PDB file of all heavy atoms in Angstrom:
ATOM      1  N   PRO A   1       6.189   4.426  -0.739  1.00  0.00           N
ATOM      2  CA  PRO A   1       5.332   4.173  -1.893  1.00  0.00           C
ATOM      3  C   PRO A   1       5.340   2.708  -2.294  1.00  0.00           C
ATOM      4  O   PRO A   1       6.389   2.082  -2.281  1.00  0.00           O
ATOM      5  CB  PRO A   1       5.940   5.051  -2.990  1.00  0.00           C
ATOM      6  CG  PRO A   1       7.380   5.179  -2.605  1.00  0.00           C
ATOM      7  CD  PRO A   1       7.401   5.173  -1.099  1.00  0.00           C
ATOM      8  N   ARG A   2       4.177   2.180  -2.592  1.00  0.00           N
ATOM      9  CA  ARG A   2       4.078   0.785  -2.990  1.00  0.00           C
ATOM     10  C   ARG A   2       4.161   0.691  -4.506  1.00  0.00           C
ATOM     11  O   ARG A   2       3.637   1.521  -5.230  1.00  0.00           O
ATOM     12  CB  ARG A   2       2.760   0.175  -2.509  1.00  0.00           C
ATOM     13  CG  ARG A   2       2.483   0.381  -1.020  1.00  0.00           C
ATOM     14  CD  ARG A   2       3.527  -0.279  -0.150  1.00  0.00           C
ATOM     15  NE  ARG A   2       3.340  -1.696  -0.101  1.00  0.00           N
ATOM     16  CZ  ARG A   2       4.167  -2.511   0.532  1.00  0.00           C
ATOM     17  NH1 ARG A   2       5.233  -2.040   1.131  1.00  0.00           N
ATOM     18  NH2 ARG A   2       3.943  -3.808   0.552  1.00  0.00           N
ATOM     19  N   ARG A   3       4.783  -0.330  -4.988  1.00  0.00           N
ATOM     20  CA  ARG A   3       5.033  -0.482  -6.411  1.00  0.00           C
ATOM     21  C   ARG A   3       3.968  -1.359  -7.057  1.00  0.00           C
ATOM     22  O   ARG A   3       3.586  -2.393  -6.524  1.00  0.00           O
ATOM     23  CB  ARG A   3       6.414  -1.110  -6.614  1.00  0.00           C
ATOM     24  CG  ARG A   3       6.744  -1.439  -8.046  1.00  0.00           C
ATOM     25  CD  ARG A   3       8.149  -2.033  -8.110  1.00  0.00           C
ATOM     26  NE  ARG A   3       8.419  -2.526  -9.436  1.00  0.00           N
ATOM     27  CZ  ARG A   3       8.070  -3.731  -9.853  1.00  0.00           C
ATOM     28  NH1 ARG A   3       7.437  -4.545  -9.058  1.00  0.00           N
ATOM     29  NH2 ARG A   3       8.358  -4.115 -11.084  1.00  0.00           N
ATOM     30  N   VAL A   4       3.467  -0.920  -8.209  1.00  0.00           N
ATOM     31  CA  VAL A   4       2.525  -1.733  -8.970  1.00  0.00           C
ATOM     32  C   VAL A   4       3.304  -2.797  -9.739  1.00  0.00           C
ATOM     33  O   VAL A   4       4.276  -2.490 -10.424  1.00  0.00           O
ATOM     34  CB  VAL A   4       1.706  -0.866  -9.940  1.00  0.00           C
ATOM     35  CG1 VAL A   4       0.775  -1.724 -10.772  1.00  0.00           C
ATOM     36  CG2 VAL A   4       0.927   0.186  -9.161  1.00  0.00           C
ATOM     37  N   ALA A   5       2.872  -4.040  -9.609  1.00  0.00           N
ATOM     38  CA  ALA A   5       3.601  -5.123 -10.260  1.00  0.00           C
ATOM     39  C   ALA A   5       3.550  -4.990 -11.775  1.00  0.00           C
ATOM     40  O   ALA A   5       2.547  -4.564 -12.353  1.00  0.00           O
ATOM     41  CB  ALA A   5       3.012  -6.466  -9.834  1.00  0.00           C
ATOM     42  N   LYS A   6       4.645  -5.355 -12.415  1.00  0.00           N
ATOM     43  CA  LYS A   6       4.730  -5.369 -13.870  1.00  0.00           C
ATOM     44  C   LYS A   6       4.472  -6.781 -14.385  1.00  0.00           C
ATOM     45  O   LYS A   6       4.591  -7.750 -13.631  1.00  0.00           O
ATOM     46  CB  LYS A   6       6.118  -4.903 -14.316  1.00  0.00           C
ATOM     47  CG  LYS A   6       6.462  -3.471 -13.931  1.00  0.00           C
ATOM     48  CD  LYS A   6       7.884  -3.144 -14.385  1.00  0.00           C
ATOM     49  CE  LYS A   6       8.266  -1.739 -14.000  1.00  0.00           C
ATOM     50  NZ  LYS A   6       9.667  -1.412 -14.403  1.00  0.00           N
ATOM     51  N   PRO A   7       4.133  -6.925 -15.652  1.00  0.00           N
ATOM     52  CA  PRO A   7       3.994  -8.280 -16.211  1.00  0.00           C
ATOM     53  C   PRO A   7       5.248  -9.097 -15.972  1.00  0.00           C
ATOM     54  O   PRO A   7       6.371  -8.624 -16.194  1.00  0.00           O
ATOM     55  CB  PRO A   7       3.769  -8.010 -17.711  1.00  0.00           C
ATOM     56  CG  PRO A   7       3.165  -6.640 -17.758  1.00  0.00           C
ATOM     57  CD  PRO A   7       3.815  -5.877 -16.633  1.00  0.00           C
ATOM     58  N   GLY A   8       5.061 -10.298 -15.513  1.00  0.00           N
ATOM     59  CA  GLY A   8       6.196 -11.162 -15.221  1.00  0.00           C
ATOM     60  C   GLY A   8       6.634 -11.116 -13.769  1.00  0.00           C
ATOM     61  O   GLY A   8       7.371 -11.981 -13.323  1.00  0.00           O
ATOM     62  N   ASP A   9       6.202 -10.089 -13.038  1.00  0.00           N
ATOM     63  CA  ASP A   9       6.512 -10.035 -11.622  1.00  0.00           C
ATOM     64  C   ASP A   9       5.638 -11.029 -10.874  1.00  0.00           C
ATOM     65  O   ASP A   9       4.651 -11.555 -11.384  1.00  0.00           O
ATOM     66  CB  ASP A   9       6.256  -8.636 -11.052  1.00  0.00           C
ATOM     67  CG  ASP A   9       7.304  -7.628 -11.507  1.00  0.00           C
ATOM     68  OD1 ASP A   9       8.320  -8.060 -12.080  1.00  0.00           O
ATOM     69  OD2 ASP A   9       7.085  -6.432 -11.282  1.00  0.00           O
ATOM     70  N   MET A  10       5.990 -11.266  -9.617  1.00  0.00           N
ATOM     71  CA  MET A  10       5.137 -12.107  -8.789  1.00  0.00           C
ATOM     72  C   MET A  10       3.764 -11.462  -8.661  1.00  0.00           C
ATOM     73  O   MET A  10       3.644 -10.243  -8.501  1.00  0.00           O
ATOM     74  CB  MET A  10       5.749 -12.269  -7.394  1.00  0.00           C
ATOM     75  CG  MET A  10       6.972 -13.147  -7.366  1.00  0.00           C
ATOM     76  SD  MET A  10       6.584 -14.854  -7.745  1.00  0.00           S
ATOM     77  CE  MET A  10       5.643 -15.305  -6.298  1.00  0.00           C
ATOM     78  N   PRO A  11       2.692 -12.236  -8.702  1.00  0.00           N
ATOM     79  CA  PRO A  11       1.341 -11.671  -8.608  1.00  0.00           C
ATOM     80  C   PRO A  11       0.973 -11.346  -7.168  1.00  0.00           C
ATOM     81  O   PRO A  11       0.093 -11.948  -6.574  1.00  0.00           O
ATOM     82  CB  PRO A  11       0.465 -12.797  -9.167  1.00  0.00           C
ATOM     83  CG  PRO A  11       1.208 -14.043  -8.809  1.00  0.00           C
ATOM     84  CD  PRO A  11       2.668 -13.678  -8.939  1.00  0.00           C
ATOM     85  N   LEU A  12       1.656 -10.344  -6.605  1.00  0.00           N
ATOM     86  CA  LEU A  12       1.420  -9.964  -5.227  1.00  0.00           C
ATOM     87  C   LEU A  12       0.476  -8.782  -5.168  1.00  0.00           C
ATOM     88  O   LEU A  12       0.513  -7.888  -5.999  1.00  0.00           O
ATOM     89  CB  LEU A  12       2.735  -9.568  -4.542  1.00  0.00           C
ATOM     90  CG  LEU A  12       3.824 -10.630  -4.499  1.00  0.00           C
ATOM     91  CD1 LEU A  12       5.063 -10.048  -3.851  1.00  0.00           C
ATOM     92  CD2 LEU A  12       3.334 -11.837  -3.724  1.00  0.00           C
ATOM     93  N   SER A  13      -0.381  -8.758  -4.153  1.00  0.00           N
ATOM     94  CA  SER A  13      -1.151  -7.568  -3.852  1.00  0.00           C
ATOM     95  C   SER A  13      -0.292  -6.686  -2.971  1.00  0.00           C
ATOM     96  O   SER A  13      -0.032  -7.006  -1.818  1.00  0.00           O
ATOM     97  CB  SER A  13      -2.446  -7.952  -3.115  1.00  0.00           C
ATOM     98  OG  SER A  13      -3.110  -6.796  -2.685  1.00  0.00           O
ATOM     99  N   LEU A  14       0.181  -5.567  -3.528  1.00  0.00           N
ATOM    100  CA  LEU A  14       1.202  -4.795  -2.840  1.00  0.00           C
ATOM    101  C   LEU A  14       0.626  -3.760  -1.884  1.00  0.00           C
ATOM    102  O   LEU A  14       1.371  -3.006  -1.273  1.00  0.00           O
ATOM    103  CB  LEU A  14       2.120  -4.130  -3.858  1.00  0.00           C
ATOM    104  CG  LEU A  14       2.940  -5.129  -4.659  1.00  0.00           C
ATOM    105  CD1 LEU A  14       3.772  -4.422  -5.702  1.00  0.00           C
ATOM    106  CD2 LEU A  14       3.824  -5.969  -3.760  1.00  0.00           C
ATOM    107  N   GLY A  15      -0.678  -3.670  -1.751  1.00  0.00           N
ATOM    108  CA  GLY A  15      -1.243  -2.926  -0.635  1.00  0.00           C
ATOM    109  C   GLY A  15      -1.376  -1.437  -0.859  1.00  0.00           C
ATOM    110  O   GLY A  15      -1.457  -0.931  -1.962  1.00  0.00           O
ATOM    111  N   ASN A  16      -1.400  -0.719   0.262  1.00  0.00           N
ATOM    112  CA  ASN A  16      -1.708   0.695   0.323  1.00  0.00           C
ATOM    113  C   ASN A  16      -0.689   1.526  -0.461  1.00  0.00           C
ATOM    114  O   ASN A  16       0.497   1.429  -0.244  1.00  0.00           O
ATOM    115  CB  ASN A  16      -1.700   1.112   1.804  1.00  0.00           C
ATOM    116  CG  ASN A  16      -2.347   2.457   2.019  1.00  0.00           C
ATOM    117  OD1 ASN A  16      -2.397   3.272   1.120  1.00  0.00           O
ATOM    118  ND2 ASN A  16      -2.841   2.665   3.227  1.00  0.00           N
ATOM    119  N   SER A  17      -1.164   2.364  -1.375  1.00  0.00           N
ATOM    120  CA  SER A  17      -0.260   3.193  -2.159  1.00  0.00           C
ATOM    121  C   SER A  17       0.020   4.537  -1.517  1.00  0.00           C
ATOM    122  O   SER A  17       0.782   5.335  -2.056  1.00  0.00           O
ATOM    123  CB  SER A  17      -0.845   3.426  -3.558  1.00  0.00           C
ATOM    124  OG  SER A  17      -2.078   4.108  -3.465  1.00  0.00           O
ATOM    125  N   ASP A  18      -0.600   4.843  -0.398  1.00  0.00           N
ATOM    126  CA  ASP A  18      -0.360   6.091   0.316  1.00  0.00           C
ATOM    127  C   ASP A  18       1.004   6.036   0.995  1.00  0.00           C
ATOM    128  O   ASP A  18       1.240   5.182   1.846  1.00  0.00           O
ATOM    129  CB  ASP A  18      -1.464   6.284   1.368  1.00  0.00           C
ATOM    130  CG  ASP A  18      -1.252   7.503   2.242  1.00  0.00           C
ATOM    131  OD1 ASP A  18      -0.300   8.260   2.001  1.00  0.00           O
ATOM    132  OD2 ASP A  18      -2.047   7.689   3.181  1.00  0.00           O
ATOM    133  N   PRO A  19       1.934   6.938   0.644  1.00  0.00           N
ATOM    134  CA  PRO A  19       3.272   6.853   1.231  1.00  0.00           C
ATOM    135  C   PRO A  19       3.286   7.051   2.729  1.00  0.00           C
ATOM    136  O   PRO A  19       4.251   6.692   3.378  1.00  0.00           O
ATOM    137  CB  PRO A  19       4.057   7.956   0.508  1.00  0.00           C
ATOM    138  CG  PRO A  19       3.017   8.878  -0.020  1.00  0.00           C
ATOM    139  CD  PRO A  19       1.829   8.024  -0.314  1.00  0.00           C
ATOM    140  N   HIS A  20       2.207   7.602   3.303  1.00  0.00           N
ATOM    141  CA  HIS A  20       2.135   7.771   4.749  1.00  0.00           C
ATOM    142  C   HIS A  20       1.004   6.918   5.348  1.00  0.00           C
ATOM    143  O   HIS A  20       0.599   7.116   6.487  1.00  0.00           O
ATOM    144  CB  HIS A  20       1.918   9.246   5.108  1.00  0.00           C
ATOM    145  CG  HIS A  20       2.997  10.135   4.577  1.00  0.00           C
ATOM    146  ND1 HIS A  20       4.284  10.098   5.047  1.00  0.00           N
ATOM    147  CD2 HIS A  20       2.988  11.062   3.595  1.00  0.00           C
ATOM    148  CE1 HIS A  20       5.027  10.979   4.389  1.00  0.00           C
ATOM    149  NE2 HIS A  20       4.266  11.558   3.494  1.00  0.00           N
ATOM    150  N   GLY A  21       0.523   5.972   4.559  1.00  0.00           N
ATOM    151  CA  GLY A  21      -0.655   5.230   4.978  1.00  0.00           C
ATOM    152  C   GLY A  21      -0.460   4.379   6.195  1.00  0.00           C
ATOM    153  O   GLY A  21      -1.421   4.018   6.859  1.00  0.00           O
ATOM    154  N   GLU A  22       0.791   4.003   6.506  1.00  0.00           N
ATOM    155  CA  GLU A  22       1.012   3.116   7.623  1.00  0.00           C
ATOM    156  C   GLU A  22       1.106   3.864   8.945  1.00  0.00           C
ATOM    157  O   GLU A  22       1.103   3.266  10.007  1.00  0.00           O
ATOM    158  CB  GLU A  22       2.290   2.313   7.386  1.00  0.00           C
ATOM    159  CG  GLU A  22       2.439   1.172   8.349  1.00  0.00           C
ATOM    160  CD  GLU A  22       3.715   0.397   8.105  1.00  0.00           C
ATOM    161  OE1 GLU A  22       4.640   0.935   7.516  1.00  0.00           O
ATOM    162  OE2 GLU A  22       3.769  -0.753   8.536  1.00  0.00           O
ATOM    163  N   ARG A  23       1.209   5.182   8.918  1.00  0.00           N
ATOM    164  CA  ARG A  23       1.337   5.938  10.144  1.00  0.00           C
ATOM    165  C   ARG A  23       0.074   5.815  10.965  1.00  0.00           C
ATOM    166  O   ARG A  23      -1.039   5.989  10.461  1.00  0.00           O
ATOM    167  CB  ARG A  23       1.608   7.411   9.845  1.00  0.00           C
ATOM    168  CG  ARG A  23       2.812   7.635   8.944  1.00  0.00           C
ATOM    169  CD  ARG A  23       4.115   7.204   9.633  1.00  0.00           C
ATOM    170  NE  ARG A  23       5.261   7.514   8.790  1.00  0.00           N
ATOM    171  CZ  ARG A  23       5.910   6.621   8.081  1.00  0.00           C
ATOM    172  NH1 ARG A  23       5.529   5.361   8.084  1.00  0.00           N
ATOM    173  NH2 ARG A  23       6.962   6.979   7.370  1.00  0.00           N
ATOM    174  N   SER A  24       0.205   5.526  12.251  1.00  0.00           N
ATOM    175  CA  SER A  24      -0.965   5.363  13.084  1.00  0.00           C
ATOM    176  C   SER A  24      -1.790   6.640  13.151  1.00  0.00           C
ATOM    177  O   SER A  24      -2.985   6.599  13.377  1.00  0.00           O
ATOM    178  CB  SER A  24      -0.542   4.949  14.494  1.00  0.00           C
ATOM    179  OG  SER A  24      -0.023   3.651  14.484  1.00  0.00           O
ATOM    180  N   GLY A  25      -1.139   7.781  12.972  1.00  0.00           N
ATOM    181  CA  GLY A  25      -1.867   9.031  13.001  1.00  0.00           C
ATOM    182  C   GLY A  25      -2.803   9.206  11.815  1.00  0.00           C
ATOM    183  O   GLY A  25      -3.648  10.095  11.814  1.00  0.00           O
ATOM    184  N   ASN A  26      -2.674   8.376  10.788  1.00  0.00           N
ATOM    185  CA  ASN A  26      -3.553   8.436   9.642  1.00  0.00           C
ATOM    186  C   ASN A  26      -4.849   7.710   9.984  1.00  0.00           C
ATOM    187  O   ASN A  26      -4.929   6.491   9.992  1.00  0.00           O
ATOM    188  CB  ASN A  26      -2.869   7.782   8.434  1.00  0.00           C
ATOM    189  CG  ASN A  26      -3.666   7.930   7.154  1.00  0.00           C
ATOM    190  OD1 ASN A  26      -4.887   7.821   7.153  1.00  0.00           O
ATOM    191  ND2 ASN A  26      -2.973   8.169   6.058  1.00  0.00           N
ATOM    192  N   LYS A  27      -5.887   8.488  10.282  1.00  0.00           N
ATOM    193  CA  LYS A  27      -7.140   7.899  10.759  1.00  0.00           C
ATOM    194  C   LYS A  27      -7.781   7.011   9.710  1.00  0.00           C
ATOM    195  O   LYS A  27      -8.399   5.995  10.042  1.00  0.00           O
ATOM    196  CB  LYS A  27      -8.091   9.004  11.202  1.00  0.00           C
ATOM    197  CG  LYS A  27      -7.604   9.777  12.416  1.00  0.00           C
ATOM    198  CD  LYS A  27      -8.607  10.845  12.828  1.00  0.00           C
ATOM    199  CE  LYS A  27      -8.097  11.613  14.043  1.00  0.00           C
ATOM    200  NZ  LYS A  27      -9.054  12.675  14.470  1.00  0.00           N
ATOM    201  N   ALA A  28      -7.633   7.394   8.444  1.00  0.00           N
ATOM    202  CA  ALA A  28      -8.234   6.581   7.391  1.00  0.00           C
ATOM    203  C   ALA A  28      -7.625   5.187   7.373  1.00  0.00           C
ATOM    204  O   ALA A  28      -8.333   4.188   7.234  1.00  0.00           O
ATOM    205  CB  ALA A  28      -8.053   7.272   6.041  1.00  0.00           C
ATOM    206  N   TYR A  29      -6.305   5.113   7.537  1.00  0.00           N
ATOM    207  CA  TYR A  29      -5.669   3.809   7.538  1.00  0.00           C
ATOM    208  C   TYR A  29      -6.062   3.018   8.784  1.00  0.00           C
ATOM    209  O   TYR A  29      -6.345   1.821   8.712  1.00  0.00           O
ATOM    210  CB  TYR A  29      -4.151   3.949   7.458  1.00  0.00           C
ATOM    211  CG  TYR A  29      -3.462   2.612   7.400  1.00  0.00           C
ATOM    212  CD1 TYR A  29      -3.556   1.829   6.261  1.00  0.00           C
ATOM    213  CD2 TYR A  29      -2.766   2.117   8.498  1.00  0.00           C
ATOM    214  CE1 TYR A  29      -2.945   0.589   6.202  1.00  0.00           C
ATOM    215  CE2 TYR A  29      -2.155   0.873   8.444  1.00  0.00           C
ATOM    216  CZ  TYR A  29      -2.248   0.126   7.292  1.00  0.00           C
ATOM    217  OH  TYR A  29      -1.660  -1.097   7.254  1.00  0.00           O
ATOM    218  N   GLY A  30      -6.100   3.686   9.948  1.00  0.00           N
ATOM    219  CA  GLY A  30      -6.517   3.000  11.166  1.00  0.00           C
ATOM    220  C   GLY A  30      -7.921   2.449  11.050  1.00  0.00           C
ATOM    221  O   GLY A  30      -8.212   1.329  11.469  1.00  0.00           O
ATOM    222  N   ALA A  31      -8.810   3.221  10.446  1.00  0.00           N
ATOM    223  CA  ALA A  31     -10.182   2.746  10.265  1.00  0.00           C
ATOM    224  C   ALA A  31     -10.230   1.563   9.317  1.00  0.00           C
ATOM    225  O   ALA A  31     -11.011   0.622   9.497  1.00  0.00           O
ATOM    226  CB  ALA A  31     -11.050   3.887   9.747  1.00  0.00           C
ATOM    227  N   ASP A  32      -9.382   1.594   8.311  1.00  0.00           N
ATOM    228  CA  ASP A  32      -9.354   0.505   7.347  1.00  0.00           C
ATOM    229  C   ASP A  32      -8.900  -0.809   7.983  1.00  0.00           C
ATOM    230  O   ASP A  32      -9.194  -1.884   7.478  1.00  0.00           O
ATOM    231  CB  ASP A  32      -8.407   0.878   6.199  1.00  0.00           C
ATOM    232  CG  ASP A  32      -8.369  -0.181   5.112  1.00  0.00           C
ATOM    233  OD1 ASP A  32      -9.422  -0.432   4.492  1.00  0.00           O
ATOM    234  OD2 ASP A  32      -7.288  -0.758   4.885  1.00  0.00           O
TER     235      ASP A  32
END
């Protein structure tokens, strides 16, 4: 799971919030 930054944190774009989004078997992520 990706964490949403809080005020005062570094202004990073923390990416995909899908806990399984990085798996190659996830077609939606592969298409993205």
